[in-house]
Amino acid sequence: MEEITLFLERNLVPVLKPAFDLFHSLIDQLPPPVWRFSICSYLVFGTIWVLFLSRDYVLLGSPDQARWRDLRLWIPPLLIPYLLIYLFI
């Protein structure tokens, strides 16, 4: 595990750090309610977008057309805990 950590610190951190530092410098100027609203709106709009995808596209590559394989039905319930966390914690 330590080898993986060292590899990531040597190769990935130098590439990603400038982008994250820029992002943090911009977002640190905003109050926390703006962060929460931004994250929640991102999750809500992403969920709405998923609901408008065609059934054929969502089930592409699926072995059958069973209703439980439709990912559009799974996304909203799975994102509710994330919304609750960002809104109330």
PDB file of N, CA and C in Angstrom:
ATOM      1  N   MET A   1       0.819  -1.186   0.000  1.00  0.00           N
ATOM      2  CA  MET A   1       0.000   0.000   0.000  1.00  0.00           C
ATOM      3  C   MET A   1       0.869   1.258   0.000  1.00  0.00           C
ATOM      4  N   GLU A   2       1.962   1.197   0.704  1.00  0.00           N
ATOM      5  CA  GLU A   2       2.865   2.344   0.769  1.00  0.00           C
ATOM      6  C   GLU A   2       3.473   2.646  -0.599  1.00  0.00           C
ATOM      7  N   GLU A   3       3.722   1.596  -1.386  1.00  0.00           N
ATOM      8  CA  GLU A   3       4.269   1.792  -2.726  1.00  0.00           C
ATOM      9  C   GLU A   3       3.275   2.528  -3.621  1.00  0.00           C
ATOM     10  N   ILE A   4       1.996   2.197  -3.477  1.00  0.00           N
ATOM     11  CA  ILE A   4       0.968   2.871  -4.267  1.00  0.00           C
ATOM     12  C   ILE A   4       0.888   4.338  -3.871  1.00  0.00           C
ATOM     13  N   THR A   5       0.936   4.596  -2.578  1.00  0.00           N
ATOM     14  CA  THR A   5       0.886   5.975  -2.092  1.00  0.00           C
ATOM     15  C   THR A   5       2.069   6.775  -2.614  1.00  0.00           C
ATOM     16  N   LEU A   6       3.246   6.206  -2.556  1.00  0.00           N
ATOM     17  CA  LEU A   6       4.432   6.894  -3.070  1.00  0.00           C
ATOM     18  C   LEU A   6       4.331   7.146  -4.569  1.00  0.00           C
ATOM     19  N   PHE A   7       3.845   6.158  -5.305  1.00  0.00           N
ATOM     20  CA  PHE A   7       3.681   6.327  -6.751  1.00  0.00           C
ATOM     21  C   PHE A   7       2.718   7.476  -7.060  1.00  0.00           C
ATOM     22  N   LEU A   8       1.587   7.518  -6.352  1.00  0.00           N
ATOM     23  CA  LEU A   8       0.607   8.581  -6.575  1.00  0.00           C
ATOM     24  C   LEU A   8       1.158   9.948  -6.189  1.00  0.00           C
ATOM     25  N   GLU A   9       1.886   9.999  -5.073  1.00  0.00           N
ATOM     26  CA  GLU A   9       2.459  11.278  -4.643  1.00  0.00           C
ATOM     27  C   GLU A   9       3.490  11.791  -5.646  1.00  0.00           C
ATOM     28  N   ARG A  10       4.235  10.899  -6.253  1.00  0.00           N
ATOM     29  CA  ARG A  10       5.248  11.311  -7.212  1.00  0.00           C
ATOM     30  C   ARG A  10       4.657  11.688  -8.570  1.00  0.00           C
ATOM     31  N   ASN A  11       3.631  10.972  -9.009  1.00  0.00           N
ATOM     32  CA  ASN A  11       3.147  11.127 -10.373  1.00  0.00           C
ATOM     33  C   ASN A  11       1.826  11.885 -10.508  1.00  0.00           C
ATOM     34  N   LEU A  12       0.919  11.679  -9.572  1.00  0.00           N
ATOM     35  CA  LEU A  12      -0.409  12.263  -9.714  1.00  0.00           C
ATOM     36  C   LEU A  12      -0.536  13.616  -9.026  1.00  0.00           C
ATOM     37  N   VAL A  13       0.041  13.749  -7.865  1.00  0.00           N
ATOM     38  CA  VAL A  13      -0.080  14.999  -7.114  1.00  0.00           C
ATOM     39  C   VAL A  13       0.490  16.194  -7.882  1.00  0.00           C
ATOM     40  N   PRO A  14       1.665  16.106  -8.484  1.00  0.00           N
ATOM     41  CA  PRO A  14       2.170  17.270  -9.219  1.00  0.00           C
ATOM     42  C   PRO A  14       1.277  17.691 -10.391  1.00  0.00           C
ATOM     43  N   VAL A  15       0.552  16.749 -10.966  1.00  0.00           N
ATOM     44  CA  VAL A  15      -0.314  17.073 -12.090  1.00  0.00           C
ATOM     45  C   VAL A  15      -1.618  17.725 -11.610  1.00  0.00           C
ATOM     46  N   LEU A  16      -2.196  17.192 -10.544  1.00  0.00           N
ATOM     47  CA  LEU A  16      -3.506  17.661 -10.081  1.00  0.00           C
ATOM     48  C   LEU A  16      -3.447  18.848  -9.131  1.00  0.00           C
ATOM     49  N   LYS A  17      -2.350  19.016  -8.411  1.00  0.00           N
ATOM     50  CA  LYS A  17      -2.272  20.059  -7.390  1.00  0.00           C
ATOM     51  C   LYS A  17      -2.539  21.466  -7.924  1.00  0.00           C
ATOM     52  N   PRO A  18      -1.981  21.877  -9.063  1.00  0.00           N
ATOM     53  CA  PRO A  18      -2.275  23.239  -9.541  1.00  0.00           C
ATOM     54  C   PRO A  18      -3.763  23.484  -9.794  1.00  0.00           C
ATOM     55  N   ALA A  19      -4.450  22.504 -10.355  1.00  0.00           N
ATOM     56  CA  ALA A  19      -5.886  22.674 -10.626  1.00  0.00           C
ATOM     57  C   ALA A  19      -6.673  22.759  -9.330  1.00  0.00           C
ATOM     58  N   PHE A  20      -6.353  21.911  -8.370  1.00  0.00           N
ATOM     59  CA  PHE A  20      -7.068  21.940  -7.099  1.00  0.00           C
ATOM     60  C   PHE A  20      -6.760  23.202  -6.310  1.00  0.00           C
ATOM     61  N   ASP A  21      -5.530  23.672  -6.371  1.00  0.00           N
ATOM     62  CA  ASP A  21      -5.189  24.917  -5.676  1.00  0.00           C
ATOM     63  C   ASP A  21      -5.958  26.095  -6.266  1.00  0.00           C
ATOM     64  N   LEU A  22      -6.082  26.135  -7.586  1.00  0.00           N
ATOM     65  CA  LEU A  22      -6.855  27.190  -8.227  1.00  0.00           C
ATOM     66  C   LEU A  22      -8.325  27.112  -7.824  1.00  0.00           C
ATOM     67  N   PHE A  23      -8.880  25.917  -7.857  1.00  0.00           N
ATOM     68  CA  PHE A  23     -10.274  25.724  -7.459  1.00  0.00           C
ATOM     69  C   PHE A  23     -10.493  26.160  -6.017  1.00  0.00           C
ATOM     70  N   HIS A  24      -9.615  25.760  -5.119  1.00  0.00           N
ATOM     71  CA  HIS A  24      -9.757  26.124  -3.707  1.00  0.00           C
ATOM     72  C   HIS A  24      -9.593  27.624  -3.491  1.00  0.00           C
ATOM     73  N   SER A  25      -8.720  28.257  -4.233  1.00  0.00           N
ATOM     74  CA  SER A  25      -8.555  29.708  -4.084  1.00  0.00           C
ATOM     75  C   SER A  25      -9.815  30.455  -4.520  1.00  0.00           C
ATOM     76  N   LEU A  26     -10.527  29.911  -5.497  1.00  0.00           N
ATOM     77  CA  LEU A  26     -11.775  30.540  -5.941  1.00  0.00           C
ATOM     78  C   LEU A  26     -12.929  30.255  -4.990  1.00  0.00           C
ATOM     79  N   ILE A  27     -13.044  29.032  -4.555  1.00  0.00           N
ATOM     80  CA  ILE A  27     -14.206  28.655  -3.744  1.00  0.00           C
ATOM     81  C   ILE A  27     -14.069  29.098  -2.280  1.00  0.00           C
ATOM     82  N   ASP A  28     -12.858  29.292  -1.808  1.00  0.00           N
ATOM     83  CA  ASP A  28     -12.666  29.737  -0.427  1.00  0.00           C
ATOM     84  C   ASP A  28     -13.190  31.148  -0.196  1.00  0.00           C
ATOM     85  N   GLN A  29     -13.397  31.907  -1.259  1.00  0.00           N
ATOM     86  CA  GLN A  29     -13.915  33.265  -1.132  1.00  0.00           C
ATOM     87  C   GLN A  29     -15.435  33.273  -0.924  1.00  0.00           C
ATOM     88  N   LEU A  30     -16.086  32.152  -1.162  1.00  0.00           N
ATOM     89  CA  LEU A  30     -17.539  32.070  -1.054  1.00  0.00           C
ATOM     90  C   LEU A  30     -17.951  31.542   0.318  1.00  0.00           C
ATOM     91  N   PRO A  31     -19.122  31.956   0.815  1.00  0.00           N
ATOM     92  CA  PRO A  31     -19.598  31.421   2.096  1.00  0.00           C
ATOM     93  C   PRO A  31     -20.068  29.970   1.945  1.00  0.00           C
ATOM     94  N   PRO A  32     -20.044  29.205   3.027  1.00  0.00           N
ATOM     95  CA  PRO A  32     -20.437  27.785   2.970  1.00  0.00           C
ATOM     96  C   PRO A  32     -21.830  27.511   2.400  1.00  0.00           C
ATOM     97  N   PRO A  33     -22.857  28.356   2.644  1.00  0.00           N
ATOM     98  CA  PRO A  33     -24.153  28.040   2.020  1.00  0.00           C
ATOM     99  C   PRO A  33     -24.098  28.020   0.489  1.00  0.00           C
ATOM    100  N   VAL A  34     -23.215  28.803  -0.095  1.00  0.00           N
ATOM    101  CA  VAL A  34     -23.069  28.790  -1.554  1.00  0.00           C
ATOM    102  C   VAL A  34     -22.469  27.463  -2.003  1.00  0.00           C
ATOM    103  N   TRP A  35     -21.525  26.931  -1.246  1.00  0.00           N
ATOM    104  CA  TRP A  35     -20.954  25.624  -1.575  1.00  0.00           C
ATOM    105  C   TRP A  35     -22.041  24.568  -1.556  1.00  0.00           C
ATOM    106  N   ARG A  36     -22.818  24.574  -0.477  1.00  0.00           N
ATOM    107  CA  ARG A  36     -23.865  23.560  -0.339  1.00  0.00           C
ATOM    108  C   ARG A  36     -24.874  23.655  -1.474  1.00  0.00           C
ATOM    109  N   PHE A  37     -25.308  24.867  -1.793  1.00  0.00           N
ATOM    110  CA  PHE A  37     -26.263  25.039  -2.874  1.00  0.00           C
ATOM    111  C   PHE A  37     -25.674  24.560  -4.195  1.00  0.00           C
ATOM    112  N   SER A  38     -24.415  24.865  -4.433  1.00  0.00           N
ATOM    113  CA  SER A  38     -23.769  24.446  -5.683  1.00  0.00           C
ATOM    114  C   SER A  38     -23.722  22.928  -5.796  1.00  0.00           C
ATOM    115  N   ILE A  39     -23.336  22.267  -4.733  1.00  0.00           N
ATOM    116  CA  ILE A  39     -23.233  20.808  -4.759  1.00  0.00           C
ATOM    117  C   ILE A  39     -24.613  20.186  -4.919  1.00  0.00           C
ATOM    118  N   CYS A  40     -25.579  20.681  -4.174  1.00  0.00           N
ATOM    119  CA  CYS A  40     -26.932  20.116  -4.258  1.00  0.00           C
ATOM    120  C   CYS A  40     -27.551  20.360  -5.635  1.00  0.00           C
ATOM    121  N   SER A  41     -27.348  21.535  -6.201  1.00  0.00           N
ATOM    122  CA  SER A  41     -27.904  21.797  -7.533  1.00  0.00           C
ATOM    123  C   SER A  41     -27.227  20.920  -8.579  1.00  0.00           C
ATOM    124  N   TYR A  42     -25.941  20.678  -8.425  1.00  0.00           N
ATOM    125  CA  TYR A  42     -25.229  19.772  -9.329  1.00  0.00           C
ATOM    126  C   TYR A  42     -25.847  18.379  -9.273  1.00  0.00           C
ATOM    127  N   LEU A  43     -26.119  17.883  -8.074  1.00  0.00           N
ATOM    128  CA  LEU A  43     -26.713  16.554  -7.921  1.00  0.00           C
ATOM    129  C   LEU A  43     -28.135  16.511  -8.473  1.00  0.00           C
ATOM    130  N   VAL A  44     -28.919  17.534  -8.198  1.00  0.00           N
ATOM    131  CA  VAL A  44     -30.311  17.562  -8.659  1.00  0.00           C
ATOM    132  C   VAL A  44     -30.371  17.660 -10.185  1.00  0.00           C
ATOM    133  N   PHE A  45     -29.605  18.561 -10.785  1.00  0.00           N
ATOM    134  CA  PHE A  45     -29.622  18.694 -12.240  1.00  0.00           C
ATOM    135  C   PHE A  45     -29.082  17.447 -12.929  1.00  0.00           C
ATOM    136  N   GLY A  46     -28.087  16.822 -12.337  1.00  0.00           N
ATOM    137  CA  GLY A  46     -27.582  15.564 -12.892  1.00  0.00           C
ATOM    138  C   GLY A  46     -28.628  14.468 -12.837  1.00  0.00           C
ATOM    139  N   THR A  47     -29.381  14.428 -11.758  1.00  0.00           N
ATOM    140  CA  THR A  47     -30.454  13.437 -11.630  1.00  0.00           C
ATOM    141  C   THR A  47     -31.554  13.698 -12.644  1.00  0.00           C
ATOM    142  N   ILE A  48     -31.923  14.948 -12.816  1.00  0.00           N
ATOM    143  CA  ILE A  48     -32.952  15.286 -13.800  1.00  0.00           C
ATOM    144  C   ILE A  48     -32.483  14.927 -15.210  1.00  0.00           C
ATOM    145  N   TRP A  49     -31.222  15.191 -15.509  1.00  0.00           N
ATOM    146  CA  TRP A  49     -30.671  14.850 -16.819  1.00  0.00           C
ATOM    147  C   TRP A  49     -30.750  13.347 -17.069  1.00  0.00           C
ATOM    148  N   VAL A  50     -30.412  12.557 -16.050  1.00  0.00           N
ATOM    149  CA  VAL A  50     -30.446  11.099 -16.191  1.00  0.00           C
ATOM    150  C   VAL A  50     -31.867  10.628 -16.483  1.00  0.00           C
ATOM    151  N   LEU A  51     -32.852  11.252 -15.861  1.00  0.00           N
ATOM    152  CA  LEU A  51     -34.236  10.831 -16.071  1.00  0.00           C
ATOM    153  C   LEU A  51     -34.703  11.053 -17.507  1.00  0.00           C
ATOM    154  N   PHE A  52     -34.089  11.972 -18.227  1.00  0.00           N
ATOM    155  CA  PHE A  52     -34.480  12.254 -19.603  1.00  0.00           C
ATOM    156  C   PHE A  52     -33.721  11.426 -20.640  1.00  0.00           C
ATOM    157  N   LEU A  53     -32.790  10.585 -20.206  1.00  0.00           N
ATOM    158  CA  LEU A  53     -32.093   9.710 -21.149  1.00  0.00           C
ATOM    159  C   LEU A  53     -33.059   8.660 -21.693  1.00  0.00           C
ATOM    160  N   SER A  54     -32.857   8.251 -22.923  1.00  0.00           N
ATOM    161  CA  SER A  54     -33.754   7.251 -23.501  1.00  0.00           C
ATOM    162  C   SER A  54     -33.507   5.886 -22.871  1.00  0.00           C
ATOM    163  N   ARG A  55     -34.558   5.116 -22.794  1.00  0.00           N
ATOM    164  CA  ARG A  55     -34.473   3.773 -22.207  1.00  0.00           C
ATOM    165  C   ARG A  55     -33.500   2.894 -22.993  1.00  0.00           C
ATOM    166  N   ASP A  56     -33.516   3.013 -24.323  1.00  0.00           N
ATOM    167  CA  ASP A  56     -32.620   2.205 -25.151  1.00  0.00           C
ATOM    168  C   ASP A  56     -31.155   2.520 -24.857  1.00  0.00           C
ATOM    169  N   TYR A  57     -30.846   3.792 -24.638  1.00  0.00           N
ATOM    170  CA  TYR A  57     -29.475   4.180 -24.335  1.00  0.00           C
ATOM    171  C   TYR A  57     -29.040   3.665 -22.965  1.00  0.00           C
ATOM    172  N   VAL A  58     -29.928   3.763 -22.002  1.00  0.00           N
ATOM    173  CA  VAL A  58     -29.592   3.332 -20.641  1.00  0.00           C
ATOM    174  C   VAL A  58     -29.378   1.827 -20.579  1.00  0.00           C
ATOM    175  N   LEU A  59     -30.162   1.082 -21.338  1.00  0.00           N
ATOM    176  CA  LEU A  59     -30.076  -0.379 -21.301  1.00  0.00           C
ATOM    177  C   LEU A  59     -29.151  -0.949 -22.376  1.00  0.00           C
ATOM    178  N   LEU A  60     -28.392  -0.099 -23.047  1.00  0.00           N
ATOM    179  CA  LEU A  60     -27.464  -0.543 -24.075  1.00  0.00           C
ATOM    180  C   LEU A  60     -26.445  -1.519 -23.483  1.00  0.00           C
ATOM    181  N   GLY A  61     -26.328  -2.675 -24.055  1.00  0.00           N
ATOM    182  CA  GLY A  61     -25.384  -3.682 -23.576  1.00  0.00           C
ATOM    183  C   GLY A  61     -25.931  -4.551 -22.466  1.00  0.00           C
ATOM    184  N   SER A  62     -27.140  -4.292 -22.037  1.00  0.00           N
ATOM    185  CA  SER A  62     -27.757  -5.086 -20.980  1.00  0.00           C
ATOM    186  C   SER A  62     -28.243  -6.417 -21.557  1.00  0.00           C
ATOM    187  N   PRO A  63     -28.124  -7.504 -20.794  1.00  0.00           N
ATOM    188  CA  PRO A  63     -28.546  -8.792 -21.333  1.00  0.00           C
ATOM    189  C   PRO A  63     -30.058  -8.892 -21.576  1.00  0.00           C
ATOM    190  N   ASP A  64     -30.843  -8.100 -20.860  1.00  0.00           N
ATOM    191  CA  ASP A  64     -32.284  -8.074 -21.105  1.00  0.00           C
ATOM    192  C   ASP A  64     -32.823  -6.690 -20.784  1.00  0.00           C
ATOM    193  N   GLN A  65     -34.096  -6.498 -20.995  1.00  0.00           N
ATOM    194  CA  GLN A  65     -34.727  -5.196 -20.798  1.00  0.00           C
ATOM    195  C   GLN A  65     -35.486  -5.134 -19.470  1.00  0.00           C
ATOM    196  N   ALA A  66     -35.067  -5.907 -18.485  1.00  0.00           N
ATOM    197  CA  ALA A  66     -35.767  -5.944 -17.192  1.00  0.00           C
ATOM    198  C   ALA A  66     -35.796  -4.556 -16.559  1.00  0.00           C
ATOM    199  N   ARG A  67     -36.889  -4.264 -15.887  1.00  0.00           N
ATOM    200  CA  ARG A  67     -37.078  -2.932 -15.301  1.00  0.00           C
ATOM    201  C   ARG A  67     -36.024  -2.628 -14.236  1.00  0.00           C
ATOM    202  N   TRP A  68     -35.577  -3.642 -13.511  1.00  0.00           N
ATOM    203  CA  TRP A  68     -34.598  -3.397 -12.450  1.00  0.00           C
ATOM    204  C   TRP A  68     -33.226  -3.012 -13.003  1.00  0.00           C
ATOM    205  N   ARG A  69     -32.989  -3.233 -14.278  1.00  0.00           N
ATOM    206  CA  ARG A  69     -31.712  -2.838 -14.891  1.00  0.00           C
ATOM    207  C   ARG A  69     -31.699  -1.387 -15.362  1.00  0.00           C
ATOM    208  N   ASP A  70     -32.841  -0.736 -15.320  1.00  0.00           N
ATOM    209  CA  ASP A  70     -32.946   0.650 -15.763  1.00  0.00           C
ATOM    210  C   ASP A  70     -32.292   1.562 -14.726  1.00  0.00           C
ATOM    211  N   LEU A  71     -31.117   2.073 -15.059  1.00  0.00           N
ATOM    212  CA  LEU A  71     -30.354   2.885 -14.103  1.00  0.00           C
ATOM    213  C   LEU A  71     -31.021   4.213 -13.792  1.00  0.00           C
ATOM    214  N   ARG A  72     -31.935   4.650 -14.646  1.00  0.00           N
ATOM    215  CA  ARG A  72     -32.646   5.895 -14.367  1.00  0.00           C
ATOM    216  C   ARG A  72     -33.467   5.779 -13.089  1.00  0.00           C
ATOM    217  N   LEU A  73     -33.894   4.570 -12.756  1.00  0.00           N
ATOM    218  CA  LEU A  73     -34.674   4.363 -11.537  1.00  0.00           C
ATOM    219  C   LEU A  73     -33.787   4.249 -10.299  1.00  0.00           C
ATOM    220  N   TRP A  74     -32.542   3.905 -10.488  1.00  0.00           N
ATOM    221  CA  TRP A  74     -31.621   3.735  -9.367  1.00  0.00           C
ATOM    222  C   TRP A  74     -30.975   5.043  -8.931  1.00  0.00           C
ATOM    223  N   ILE A  75     -30.735   5.934  -9.859  1.00  0.00           N
ATOM    224  CA  ILE A  75     -29.985   7.156  -9.561  1.00  0.00           C
ATOM    225  C   ILE A  75     -30.666   8.039  -8.513  1.00  0.00           C
ATOM    226  N   PRO A  76     -31.936   8.396  -8.654  1.00  0.00           N
ATOM    227  CA  PRO A  76     -32.537   9.286  -7.639  1.00  0.00           C
ATOM    228  C   PRO A  76     -32.491   8.736  -6.212  1.00  0.00           C
ATOM    229  N   PRO A  77     -32.875   7.473  -5.975  1.00  0.00           N
ATOM    230  CA  PRO A  77     -32.785   6.994  -4.582  1.00  0.00           C
ATOM    231  C   PRO A  77     -31.353   6.941  -4.047  1.00  0.00           C
ATOM    232  N   LEU A  78     -30.401   6.669  -4.922  1.00  0.00           N
ATOM    233  CA  LEU A  78     -29.013   6.604  -4.469  1.00  0.00           C
ATOM    234  C   LEU A  78     -28.432   7.985  -4.159  1.00  0.00           C
ATOM    235  N   LEU A  79     -28.966   9.032  -4.773  1.00  0.00           N
ATOM    236  CA  LEU A  79     -28.438  10.376  -4.529  1.00  0.00           C
ATOM    237  C   LEU A  79     -29.108  11.082  -3.346  1.00  0.00           C
ATOM    238  N   ILE A  80     -30.217  10.577  -2.885  1.00  0.00           N
ATOM    239  CA  ILE A  80     -30.906  11.200  -1.745  1.00  0.00           C
ATOM    240  C   ILE A  80     -30.007  11.272  -0.507  1.00  0.00           C
ATOM    241  N   PRO A  81     -29.290  10.206  -0.133  1.00  0.00           N
ATOM    242  CA  PRO A  81     -28.394  10.334   1.032  1.00  0.00           C
ATOM    243  C   PRO A  81     -27.329  11.414   0.854  1.00  0.00           C
ATOM    244  N   TYR A  82     -26.803  11.554  -0.357  1.00  0.00           N
ATOM    245  CA  TYR A  82     -25.803  12.594  -0.601  1.00  0.00           C
ATOM    246  C   TYR A  82     -26.401  13.983  -0.420  1.00  0.00           C
ATOM    247  N   LEU A  83     -27.602  14.175  -0.912  1.00  0.00           N
ATOM    248  CA  LEU A  83     -28.268  15.463  -0.724  1.00  0.00           C
ATOM    249  C   LEU A  83     -28.489  15.755   0.752  1.00  0.00           C
ATOM    250  N   LEU A  84     -28.934  14.759   1.488  1.00  0.00           N
ATOM    251  CA  LEU A  84     -29.170  14.960   2.920  1.00  0.00           C
ATOM    252  C   LEU A  84     -27.877  15.291   3.660  1.00  0.00           C
ATOM    253  N   ILE A  85     -26.795  14.636   3.263  1.00  0.00           N
ATOM    254  CA  ILE A  85     -25.511  14.926   3.905  1.00  0.00           C
ATOM    255  C   ILE A  85     -25.088  16.364   3.647  1.00  0.00           C
ATOM    256  N   TYR A  86     -25.165  16.815   2.401  1.00  0.00           N
ATOM    257  CA  TYR A  86     -24.722  18.169   2.078  1.00  0.00           C
ATOM    258  C   TYR A  86     -25.653  19.231   2.630  1.00  0.00           C
ATOM    259  N   LEU A  87     -26.924  18.896   2.790  1.00  0.00           N
ATOM    260  CA  LEU A  87     -27.857  19.893   3.314  1.00  0.00           C
ATOM    261  C   LEU A  87     -27.808  20.026   4.829  1.00  0.00           C
ATOM    262  N   PHE A  88     -27.611  18.916   5.530  1.00  0.00           N
ATOM    263  CA  PHE A  88     -27.783  18.955   6.987  1.00  0.00           C
ATOM    264  C   PHE A  88     -26.538  18.667   7.811  1.00  0.00           C
ATOM    265  N   ILE A  89     -25.437  18.336   7.185  1.00  0.00           N
ATOM    266  CA  ILE A  89     -24.216  18.064   7.977  1.00  0.00           C
ATOM    267  C   ILE A  89     -23.177  19.110   7.663  1.00  0.00           C
TER     268      ILE A  89
END
